[in-house]
Amino acid sequence: MADAPVTRHPPARPSRSTRWAVAGVLCVVLALTAGWSLIDGALDDDEPVRNNTELMLGPGDDTLVLRVVGDGWQLSKAGSDSGSGLSLSRDGVDFVASYVAVPLTTTADAGELWPGLRRIQSAVDGDSVLGPPARATSAGGAPGATGTLRRGGRAGRAAVWVSPAQDYAVEITVLAEPDADPGALSDALAQAREVAFPGGGL
């Protein structure tokens, strides 16, 4: 019996709607790929800062300078604002510097600001313990006070430094995990003193 003739048809070309659908899917894939790259960049919160970097803190003219001590510090971009606060971390050590405005009708010294710092730490963690203040002077010559701090299973120190006109100040906390790098903690404690206000040296 003779074989039936075989008729070959070229493959059907995709319809215009099918081509648009495929193009749409490709666009979505490309957008998602690019989007994840952007998200990865956004999630990369930490910015490295080098030894001796000078960071400015404070709004307008009420600024101070904080000098970074040691390499390896990471500045949290999400947790920092040059007008209000800076948050750095390194090898199990957290360093936070916060701008403090003093009411225009009063002037303050570090001892008077200490109870406010204690209230802030208690609000963050009711079990925090801020020791009594001891008078000190920053590397830039600013008057201040320092004391021990324990919070959330971590230990360190706190400091308050006051501007020459006593109209604003900076509060600094250093907290270290139990297994934190001793070198990082030592640098953080030194860094807490590396503060200068306009008109003073660092």
Protein backbone atom coordinates (compact mmCIF):
# COMPACT_ATOMS: atom_id res chain seq x y z
CA MET A 1 0.00 0.00 0.00
CA ALA A 2 1.43 3.38 -1.04
CA ASP A 3 2.34 5.73 1.71
CA ALA A 4 0.03 8.69 2.10
CA PRO A 5 1.62 11.89 0.99
CA VAL A 6 3.02 13.97 3.84
CA THR A 7 2.21 17.62 3.80
CA ARG A 8 4.62 19.82 5.77
CA HIS A 9 3.42 23.15 7.08
CA PRO A 10 5.81 25.86 8.28
CA PRO A 11 5.46 26.59 12.00
CA ALA A 12 2.78 29.09 12.70
CA ARG A 13 4.07 32.55 13.44
CA PRO A 14 3.04 33.81 16.83
CA SER A 15 0.17 36.21 16.74
CA ARG A 16 0.73 39.84 17.54
CA SER A 17 -0.98 39.38 20.91
CA THR A 18 1.35 36.47 21.73
CA ARG A 19 4.42 38.53 20.81
CA TRP A 20 3.23 41.37 23.01
CA ALA A 21 2.65 38.93 25.88
CA VAL A 22 6.18 37.52 25.55
CA ALA A 23 7.63 41.02 25.38
CA GLY A 24 5.63 41.95 28.47
CA VAL A 25 6.97 38.97 30.39
CA LEU A 26 10.54 39.87 29.39
CA CYS A 27 9.99 43.44 30.54
CA VAL A 28 8.69 42.21 33.88
CA VAL A 29 11.70 39.92 34.30
CA LEU A 30 14.08 42.75 33.44
CA ALA A 31 12.28 45.11 35.79
CA LEU A 32 12.39 42.58 38.60
CA THR A 33 16.08 41.95 37.99
CA ALA A 34 16.85 45.65 38.05
CA GLY A 35 14.52 46.12 40.98
CA TRP A 36 16.27 43.49 43.06
CA SER A 37 19.58 45.18 42.32
CA LEU A 38 18.13 48.45 43.58
CA ILE A 39 16.68 46.72 46.63
CA ASP A 40 20.03 45.06 47.35
CA GLY A 41 21.62 48.51 47.19
CA ALA A 42 18.99 49.91 49.54
CA LEU A 43 19.49 47.03 51.97
CA ASP A 44 23.25 47.69 51.96
CA ASP A 45 22.79 50.11 54.83
CA ASP A 46 26.33 50.29 56.15
CA GLU A 47 28.85 52.77 54.80
CA PRO A 48 32.52 52.27 55.78
CA VAL A 49 34.29 55.22 57.39
CA ARG A 50 38.04 55.47 57.66
CA ASN A 51 40.26 56.33 60.59
CA ASN A 52 40.48 60.10 61.28
CA THR A 53 37.33 60.85 59.24
CA GLU A 54 35.61 63.96 60.60
CA LEU A 55 31.83 63.61 60.86
CA MET A 56 29.63 66.69 61.29
CA LEU A 57 26.63 66.59 63.59
CA GLY A 58 23.98 69.22 64.29
CA PRO A 59 21.46 71.40 62.45
CA GLY A 60 22.32 74.75 60.87
CA ASP A 61 25.20 76.50 62.61
CA ASP A 62 24.86 74.42 65.77
CA THR A 63 27.34 71.80 64.63
CA LEU A 64 30.11 69.82 66.19
CA VAL A 65 32.83 67.58 64.80
CA LEU A 66 33.31 63.93 65.74
CA ARG A 67 36.60 62.32 64.69
CA VAL A 68 36.54 58.59 63.91
CA VAL A 69 39.15 56.50 65.74
CA GLY A 70 40.38 53.31 64.07
CA ASP A 71 39.50 51.50 60.86
CA GLY A 72 36.58 49.15 60.32
CA TRP A 73 33.70 51.35 61.48
CA GLN A 74 30.43 51.17 59.56
CA LEU A 75 28.06 54.15 59.50
CA SER A 76 24.38 53.15 59.44
CA LYS A 77 22.78 55.29 56.72
CA ALA A 78 19.27 54.40 57.93
CA GLY A 79 20.11 55.11 61.57
CA SER A 80 22.01 58.35 60.97
CA ASP A 81 21.06 61.92 60.17
CA SER A 82 23.72 64.61 60.15
CA GLY A 83 21.29 67.00 61.84
CA SER A 84 20.27 64.78 64.73
CA GLY A 85 22.35 61.66 65.23
CA LEU A 86 25.07 59.28 64.03
CA SER A 87 25.10 55.51 64.48
CA LEU A 88 28.26 53.47 63.92
CA SER A 89 29.13 49.84 64.61
CA ARG A 90 32.21 47.65 64.54
CA ASP A 91 32.92 44.09 65.67
CA GLY A 92 30.17 43.90 68.31
CA VAL A 93 30.42 47.53 69.44
CA ASP A 94 27.67 50.12 68.86
CA PHE A 95 28.48 53.84 68.97
CA VAL A 96 25.64 56.41 68.92
CA ALA A 97 26.02 60.20 69.03
CA SER A 98 22.86 62.33 69.42
CA TYR A 99 22.44 66.09 69.10
CA VAL A 100 20.70 67.70 72.10
CA ALA A 101 19.12 71.16 71.92
CA VAL A 102 18.95 73.15 75.15
CA PRO A 103 15.89 75.46 75.61
CA LEU A 104 16.64 79.06 74.62
CA THR A 105 15.65 80.31 78.08
CA THR A 106 18.26 78.23 79.88
CA THR A 107 21.86 77.11 79.72
CA ALA A 108 23.01 73.70 80.80
CA ASP A 109 26.06 71.79 81.84
CA ALA A 110 26.72 68.09 81.49
CA GLY A 111 25.61 67.29 85.02
CA GLU A 112 22.19 68.82 84.40
CA LEU A 113 21.78 66.85 81.15
CA TRP A 114 22.69 63.54 82.78
CA PRO A 115 19.20 62.81 84.24
CA GLY A 116 17.72 63.34 80.77
CA LEU A 117 20.16 60.83 79.33
CA ARG A 118 19.18 58.38 82.08
CA ARG A 119 15.49 58.79 81.19
CA ILE A 120 16.24 58.17 77.51
CA GLN A 121 18.15 54.97 78.29
CA SER A 122 15.35 53.76 80.56
CA ALA A 123 12.81 54.43 77.82
CA VAL A 124 14.85 52.27 75.43
CA ASP A 125 15.30 49.52 78.04
CA GLY A 126 13.72 49.65 81.48
CA ASP A 127 16.56 47.52 82.86
CA SER A 128 19.32 49.87 81.65
CA VAL A 129 21.71 51.20 84.29
CA LEU A 130 23.49 54.53 83.82
CA GLY A 131 26.08 55.21 86.48
CA PRO A 132 26.77 58.58 88.14
CA PRO A 133 28.55 61.20 86.02
CA ALA A 134 32.19 62.10 86.42
CA ARG A 135 33.34 65.43 85.04
CA ALA A 136 35.60 65.22 81.99
CA THR A 137 36.97 67.22 79.07
CA SER A 138 36.79 66.14 75.44
CA ALA A 139 39.81 66.01 73.15
CA GLY A 140 38.58 69.30 71.64
CA GLY A 141 38.37 71.00 75.04
CA ALA A 142 34.60 70.76 75.57
CA PRO A 143 33.37 70.32 79.16
CA GLY A 144 31.38 67.19 79.82
CA ALA A 145 30.69 64.13 81.90
CA THR A 146 31.08 60.39 81.47
CA GLY A 147 29.73 57.34 83.27
CA THR A 148 29.21 53.62 82.94
CA LEU A 149 26.27 52.23 81.00
CA ARG A 150 24.69 48.76 80.90
CA ARG A 151 21.77 47.92 78.63
CA GLY A 152 20.35 44.80 77.04
CA GLY A 153 23.17 42.50 78.12
CA ARG A 154 25.80 44.93 76.80
CA ALA A 155 28.19 47.16 78.71
CA GLY A 156 30.06 50.37 77.96
CA ARG A 157 30.03 54.06 78.75
CA ALA A 158 28.04 57.20 78.07
CA ALA A 159 29.24 60.76 77.66
CA VAL A 160 27.74 64.24 77.37
CA TRP A 161 29.69 67.15 75.87
CA VAL A 162 28.38 70.73 76.00
CA SER A 163 28.95 73.55 73.50
CA PRO A 164 30.84 76.68 74.68
CA ALA A 165 27.62 78.71 74.82
CA GLN A 166 25.86 75.88 76.68
CA ASP A 167 22.99 76.04 74.20
CA TYR A 168 23.41 72.57 72.70
CA ALA A 169 25.24 69.37 73.43
CA VAL A 170 25.97 65.87 72.19
CA GLU A 171 25.15 62.65 74.04
CA ILE A 172 27.22 59.58 73.18
CA THR A 173 26.68 55.96 74.13
CA VAL A 174 29.11 53.09 73.61
CA LEU A 175 27.77 49.57 74.15
CA ALA A 176 29.66 46.34 73.53
CA GLU A 177 28.49 42.75 73.26
CA PRO A 178 30.15 40.31 75.72
CA ASP A 179 32.24 38.86 72.87
CA ALA A 180 33.03 42.20 71.21
CA ASP A 181 36.51 42.89 69.91
CA PRO A 182 38.50 44.60 72.71
CA GLY A 183 40.28 46.78 70.17
CA ALA A 184 36.98 48.04 68.78
CA LEU A 185 35.76 48.86 72.29
CA SER A 186 38.98 50.69 73.11
CA ASP A 187 38.69 52.75 69.92
CA ALA A 188 35.01 53.49 70.63
CA LEU A 189 35.80 54.80 74.11
CA ALA A 190 38.53 57.01 72.66
CA GLN A 191 36.18 58.09 69.87
CA ALA A 192 33.61 59.20 72.44
CA ARG A 193 36.09 61.89 73.54
CA GLU A 194 37.02 63.03 70.02
CA VAL A 195 34.46 65.84 69.95
CA ALA A 196 35.02 69.51 69.13
CA PHE A 197 32.64 72.46 68.82
CA PRO A 198 33.14 75.54 66.62
CA GLY A 199 35.78 77.81 68.08
CA GLY A 200 37.67 74.94 69.67
CA GLY A 201 40.39 72.67 68.35
CA LEU A 202 40.34 68.94 67.93
